[in-house]
């Protein structure tokens, strides 16, 4: 990584340290995730719940 700023670079060099909850970020980015195929969910069920509509 290159930094070409005027002031001294003071941010963490470790990516995980940039997050408040680094363990959660590691778990999300490194481990397998659950895939939800919305094409298999009937439209009626998606419109029933507002949160489903976000998908």
PDB file of N, CA and C in Angstrom:
ATOM      1  N   UNK A   1       0.844  -1.157   0.000  1.00  0.00           N
ATOM      2  CA  UNK A   1       0.000   0.000   0.000  1.00  0.00           C
ATOM      3  C   UNK A   1       0.900   1.233   0.000  1.00  0.00           C
ATOM      4  N   UNK A   2       0.491   2.224  -0.751  1.00  0.00           N
ATOM      5  CA  UNK A   2       1.256   3.465  -0.818  1.00  0.00           C
ATOM      6  C   UNK A   2       0.432   4.598  -0.234  1.00  0.00           C
ATOM      7  N   UNK A   3       1.080   5.493   0.477  1.00  0.00           N
ATOM      8  CA  UNK A   3       0.434   6.668   1.048  1.00  0.00           C
ATOM      9  C   UNK A   3       1.230   7.882   0.623  1.00  0.00           C
ATOM     10  N   UNK A   4       0.550   8.853   0.050  1.00  0.00           N
ATOM     11  CA  UNK A   4       1.239  10.035  -0.456  1.00  0.00           C
ATOM     12  C   UNK A   4       0.630  11.302   0.146  1.00  0.00           C
ATOM     13  N   UNK A   5       0.346  11.253   1.430  1.00  0.00           N
ATOM     14  CA  UNK A   5      -0.257  12.404   2.082  1.00  0.00           C
ATOM     15  C   UNK A   5       0.789  13.339   2.668  1.00  0.00           C
ATOM     16  N   UNK A   6       0.351  14.498   3.077  1.00  0.00           N
ATOM     17  CA  UNK A   6       1.246  15.494   3.667  1.00  0.00           C
ATOM     18  C   UNK A   6       1.535  15.146   5.123  1.00  0.00           C
ATOM     19  N   UNK A   7       0.494  14.729   5.849  1.00  0.00           N
ATOM     20  CA  UNK A   7       0.665  14.383   7.257  1.00  0.00           C
ATOM     21  C   UNK A   7       1.078  12.923   7.404  1.00  0.00           C
ATOM     22  N   UNK A   8       1.613  12.600   8.567  1.00  0.00           N
ATOM     23  CA  UNK A   8       2.020  11.229   8.853  1.00  0.00           C
ATOM     24  C   UNK A   8       0.791  10.320   8.846  1.00  0.00           C
ATOM     25  N   UNK A   9       0.931   9.140   8.271  1.00  0.00           N
ATOM     26  CA  UNK A   9      -0.160   8.164   8.213  1.00  0.00           C
ATOM     27  C   UNK A   9      -0.353   7.565   9.596  1.00  0.00           C
ATOM     28  N   UNK A  10      -1.553   7.714  10.152  1.00  0.00           N
ATOM     29  CA  UNK A  10      -1.799   7.239  11.518  1.00  0.00           C
ATOM     30  C   UNK A  10      -2.906   6.191  11.603  1.00  0.00           C
ATOM     31  N   UNK A  11      -3.528   5.861  10.494  1.00  0.00           N
ATOM     32  CA  UNK A  11      -4.602   4.858  10.513  1.00  0.00           C
ATOM     33  C   UNK A  11      -4.003   3.468  10.699  1.00  0.00           C
ATOM     34  N   UNK A  12      -4.802   2.521  11.190  1.00  0.00           N
ATOM     35  CA  UNK A  12      -4.296   1.155  11.375  1.00  0.00           C
ATOM     36  C   UNK A  12      -3.841   0.536  10.053  1.00  0.00           C
ATOM     37  N   UNK A  13      -2.825  -0.278  10.121  1.00  0.00           N
ATOM     38  CA  UNK A  13      -2.343  -0.993   8.945  1.00  0.00           C
ATOM     39  C   UNK A  13      -3.035  -2.347   8.802  1.00  0.00           C
ATOM     40  N   UNK A  14      -3.708  -2.770   9.847  1.00  0.00           N
ATOM     41  CA  UNK A  14      -4.447  -4.022   9.831  1.00  0.00           C
ATOM     42  C   UNK A  14      -5.895  -3.716   9.466  1.00  0.00           C
ATOM     43  N   UNK A  15      -6.407  -4.347   8.411  1.00  0.00           N
ATOM     44  CA  UNK A  15      -7.761  -4.086   7.931  1.00  0.00           C
ATOM     45  C   UNK A  15      -8.806  -4.269   9.023  1.00  0.00           C
ATOM     46  N   UNK A  16      -8.654  -5.307   9.835  1.00  0.00           N
ATOM     47  CA  UNK A  16      -9.655  -5.604  10.855  1.00  0.00           C
ATOM     48  C   UNK A  16      -9.726  -4.513  11.917  1.00  0.00           C
ATOM     49  N   UNK A  17      -8.655  -3.827  12.161  1.00  0.00           N
ATOM     50  CA  UNK A  17      -8.645  -2.777  13.183  1.00  0.00           C
ATOM     51  C   UNK A  17      -9.453  -1.550  12.762  1.00  0.00           C
ATOM     52  N   UNK A  18      -9.843  -1.483  11.509  1.00  0.00           N
ATOM     53  CA  UNK A  18     -10.640  -0.357  11.035  1.00  0.00           C
ATOM     54  C   UNK A  18     -12.107  -0.476  11.446  1.00  0.00           C
ATOM     55  N   UNK A  19     -12.505  -1.644  11.928  1.00  0.00           N
ATOM     56  CA  UNK A  19     -13.891  -1.885  12.295  1.00  0.00           C
ATOM     57  C   UNK A  19     -14.051  -1.923  13.806  1.00  0.00           C
ATOM     58  N   UNK A  20     -15.184  -1.415  14.263  1.00  0.00           N
ATOM     59  CA  UNK A  20     -15.470  -1.398  15.698  1.00  0.00           C
ATOM     60  C   UNK A  20     -15.594  -2.820  16.245  1.00  0.00           C
ATOM     61  N   UNK A  21     -16.255  -3.699  15.496  1.00  0.00           N
ATOM     62  CA  UNK A  21     -16.425  -5.091  15.919  1.00  0.00           C
ATOM     63  C   UNK A  21     -15.684  -5.975  14.918  1.00  0.00           C
ATOM     64  N   UNK A  22     -14.383  -6.058  15.059  1.00  0.00           N
ATOM     65  CA  UNK A  22     -13.555  -6.765  14.081  1.00  0.00           C
ATOM     66  C   UNK A  22     -13.857  -8.259  14.024  1.00  0.00           C
ATOM     67  N   UNK A  23     -14.237  -8.862  15.146  1.00  0.00           N
ATOM     68  CA  UNK A  23     -14.540 -10.296  15.135  1.00  0.00           C
ATOM     69  C   UNK A  23     -15.774 -10.590  14.288  1.00  0.00           C
ATOM     70  N   UNK A  24     -16.763  -9.724  14.349  1.00  0.00           N
ATOM     71  CA  UNK A  24     -17.965  -9.899  13.537  1.00  0.00           C
ATOM     72  C   UNK A  24     -17.633  -9.757  12.054  1.00  0.00           C
ATOM     73  N   UNK A  25     -16.834  -8.776  11.716  1.00  0.00           N
ATOM     74  CA  UNK A  25     -16.444  -8.568  10.317  1.00  0.00           C
ATOM     75  C   UNK A  25     -15.653  -9.765   9.799  1.00  0.00           C
ATOM     76  N   UNK A  26     -14.754 -10.274  10.604  1.00  0.00           N
ATOM     77  CA  UNK A  26     -13.988 -11.460  10.192  1.00  0.00           C
ATOM     78  C   UNK A  26     -14.922 -12.631   9.922  1.00  0.00           C
ATOM     79  N   UNK A  27     -15.874 -12.836  10.818  1.00  0.00           N
ATOM     80  CA  UNK A  27     -16.809 -13.956  10.663  1.00  0.00           C
ATOM     81  C   UNK A  27     -17.634 -13.818   9.389  1.00  0.00           C
ATOM     82  N   UNK A  28     -18.030 -12.601   9.064  1.00  0.00           N
ATOM     83  CA  UNK A  28     -18.838 -12.375   7.864  1.00  0.00           C
ATOM     84  C   UNK A  28     -18.004 -12.534   6.600  1.00  0.00           C
ATOM     85  N   UNK A  29     -16.808 -11.995   6.579  1.00  0.00           N
ATOM     86  CA  UNK A  29     -15.991 -11.991   5.363  1.00  0.00           C
ATOM     87  C   UNK A  29     -15.236 -13.292   5.121  1.00  0.00           C
ATOM     88  N   UNK A  30     -14.898 -14.010   6.180  1.00  0.00           N
ATOM     89  CA  UNK A  30     -14.051 -15.193   6.028  1.00  0.00           C
ATOM     90  C   UNK A  30     -14.875 -16.476   5.940  1.00  0.00           C
ATOM     91  N   UNK A  31     -15.904 -16.592   6.762  1.00  0.00           N
ATOM     92  CA  UNK A  31     -16.693 -17.825   6.814  1.00  0.00           C
ATOM     93  C   UNK A  31     -17.716 -17.884   5.682  1.00  0.00           C
ATOM     94  N   UNK A  32     -18.252 -19.077   5.466  1.00  0.00           N
ATOM     95  CA  UNK A  32     -19.330 -19.232   4.495  1.00  0.00           C
ATOM     96  C   UNK A  32     -20.527 -18.412   4.951  1.00  0.00           C
ATOM     97  N   UNK A  33     -21.319 -17.966   4.009  1.00  0.00           N
ATOM     98  CA  UNK A  33     -22.506 -17.200   4.342  1.00  0.00           C
ATOM     99  C   UNK A  33     -23.737 -17.938   3.841  1.00  0.00           C
ATOM    100  N   UNK A  34     -24.892 -17.560   4.378  1.00  0.00           N
ATOM    101  CA  UNK A  34     -26.142 -18.213   4.005  1.00  0.00           C
ATOM    102  C   UNK A  34     -26.698 -17.517   2.771  1.00  0.00           C
ATOM    103  N   UNK A  35     -26.965 -18.283   1.744  1.00  0.00           N
ATOM    104  CA  UNK A  35     -27.535 -17.754   0.515  1.00  0.00           C
ATOM    105  C   UNK A  35     -29.037 -17.985   0.529  1.00  0.00           C
ATOM    106  N   UNK A  36     -29.788 -16.930   0.310  1.00  0.00           N
ATOM    107  CA  UNK A  36     -31.240 -17.039   0.227  1.00  0.00           C
ATOM    108  C   UNK A  36     -31.630 -16.756  -1.212  1.00  0.00           C
ATOM    109  N   UNK A  37     -32.167 -17.755  -1.878  1.00  0.00           N
ATOM    110  CA  UNK A  37     -32.580 -17.606  -3.266  1.00  0.00           C
ATOM    111  C   UNK A  37     -34.000 -17.050  -3.279  1.00  0.00           C
ATOM    112  N   UNK A  38     -34.139 -15.746  -3.503  1.00  0.00           N
ATOM    113  CA  UNK A  38     -35.457 -15.111  -3.447  1.00  0.00           C
ATOM    114  C   UNK A  38     -36.358 -15.550  -4.595  1.00  0.00           C
ATOM    115  N   UNK A  39     -35.788 -16.136  -5.628  1.00  0.00           N
ATOM    116  CA  UNK A  39     -36.607 -16.625  -6.732  1.00  0.00           C
ATOM    117  C   UNK A  39     -37.427 -17.842  -6.316  1.00  0.00           C
ATOM    118  N   UNK A  40     -37.038 -18.500  -5.236  1.00  0.00           N
ATOM    119  CA  UNK A  40     -37.769 -19.673  -4.746  1.00  0.00           C
ATOM    120  C   UNK A  40     -38.852 -19.305  -3.735  1.00  0.00           C
ATOM    121  N   UNK A  41     -38.914 -18.036  -3.324  1.00  0.00           N
ATOM    122  CA  UNK A  41     -39.914 -17.584  -2.357  1.00  0.00           C
ATOM    123  C   UNK A  41     -41.108 -17.034  -3.141  1.00  0.00           C
ATOM    124  N   UNK A  42     -42.313 -17.522  -2.868  1.00  0.00           N
ATOM    125  CA  UNK A  42     -43.494 -17.032  -3.585  1.00  0.00           C
ATOM    126  C   UNK A  42     -43.691 -15.527  -3.375  1.00  0.00           C
ATOM    127  N   UNK A  43     -44.175 -14.836  -4.406  1.00  0.00           N
ATOM    128  CA  UNK A  43     -44.390 -13.389  -4.326  1.00  0.00           C
ATOM    129  C   UNK A  43     -45.315 -13.016  -3.178  1.00  0.00           C
ATOM    130  N   UNK A  44     -46.335 -13.823  -2.937  1.00  0.00           N
ATOM    131  CA  UNK A  44     -47.271 -13.540  -1.853  1.00  0.00           C
ATOM    132  C   UNK A  44     -46.585 -13.495  -0.500  1.00  0.00           C
ATOM    133  N   UNK A  45     -45.632 -14.367  -0.298  1.00  0.00           N
ATOM    134  CA  UNK A  45     -44.903 -14.391   0.972  1.00  0.00           C
ATOM    135  C   UNK A  45     -43.980 -13.174   1.077  1.00  0.00           C
ATOM    136  N   UNK A  46     -43.393 -12.763  -0.041  1.00  0.00           N
ATOM    137  CA  UNK A  46     -42.509 -11.594  -0.020  1.00  0.00           C
ATOM    138  C   UNK A  46     -43.282 -10.317   0.295  1.00  0.00           C
ATOM    139  N   UNK A  47     -44.492 -10.189  -0.241  1.00  0.00           N
ATOM    140  CA  UNK A  47     -45.268  -8.970  -0.009  1.00  0.00           C
ATOM    141  C   UNK A  47     -45.946  -8.961   1.354  1.00  0.00           C
ATOM    142  N   UNK A  48     -46.032 -10.116   2.013  1.00  0.00           N
ATOM    143  CA  UNK A  48     -46.652 -10.206   3.336  1.00  0.00           C
ATOM    144  C   UNK A  48     -45.829  -9.489   4.399  1.00  0.00           C
ATOM    145  N   UNK A  49     -44.531  -9.606   4.309  1.00  0.00           N
ATOM    146  CA  UNK A  49     -43.636  -9.042   5.313  1.00  0.00           C
ATOM    147  C   UNK A  49     -42.818  -7.925   4.677  1.00  0.00           C
ATOM    148  N   UNK A  50     -42.837  -6.752   5.291  1.00  0.00           N
ATOM    149  CA  UNK A  50     -42.115  -5.600   4.754  1.00  0.00           C
ATOM    150  C   UNK A  50     -40.638  -5.882   4.577  1.00  0.00           C
ATOM    151  N   UNK A  51     -40.030  -6.597   5.512  1.00  0.00           N
ATOM    152  CA  UNK A  51     -38.590  -6.869   5.424  1.00  0.00           C
ATOM    153  C   UNK A  51     -38.260  -7.765   4.245  1.00  0.00           C
ATOM    154  N   UNK A  52     -39.167  -8.640   3.876  1.00  0.00           N
ATOM    155  CA  UNK A  52     -38.936  -9.480   2.701  1.00  0.00           C
ATOM    156  C   UNK A  52     -38.866  -8.620   1.443  1.00  0.00           C
ATOM    157  N   UNK A  53     -39.638  -7.553   1.412  1.00  0.00           N
ATOM    158  CA  UNK A  53     -39.662  -6.665   0.249  1.00  0.00           C
ATOM    159  C   UNK A  53     -38.327  -6.010  -0.025  1.00  0.00           C
ATOM    160  N   UNK A  54     -37.511  -5.863   1.000  1.00  0.00           N
ATOM    161  CA  UNK A  54     -36.185  -5.265   0.829  1.00  0.00           C
ATOM    162  C   UNK A  54     -35.304  -6.163  -0.024  1.00  0.00           C
ATOM    163  N   UNK A  55     -35.518  -7.470   0.069  1.00  0.00           N
ATOM    164  CA  UNK A  55     -34.725  -8.414  -0.709  1.00  0.00           C
ATOM    165  C   UNK A  55     -34.973  -8.191  -2.174  1.00  0.00           C
TER     166      UNK A  55
END
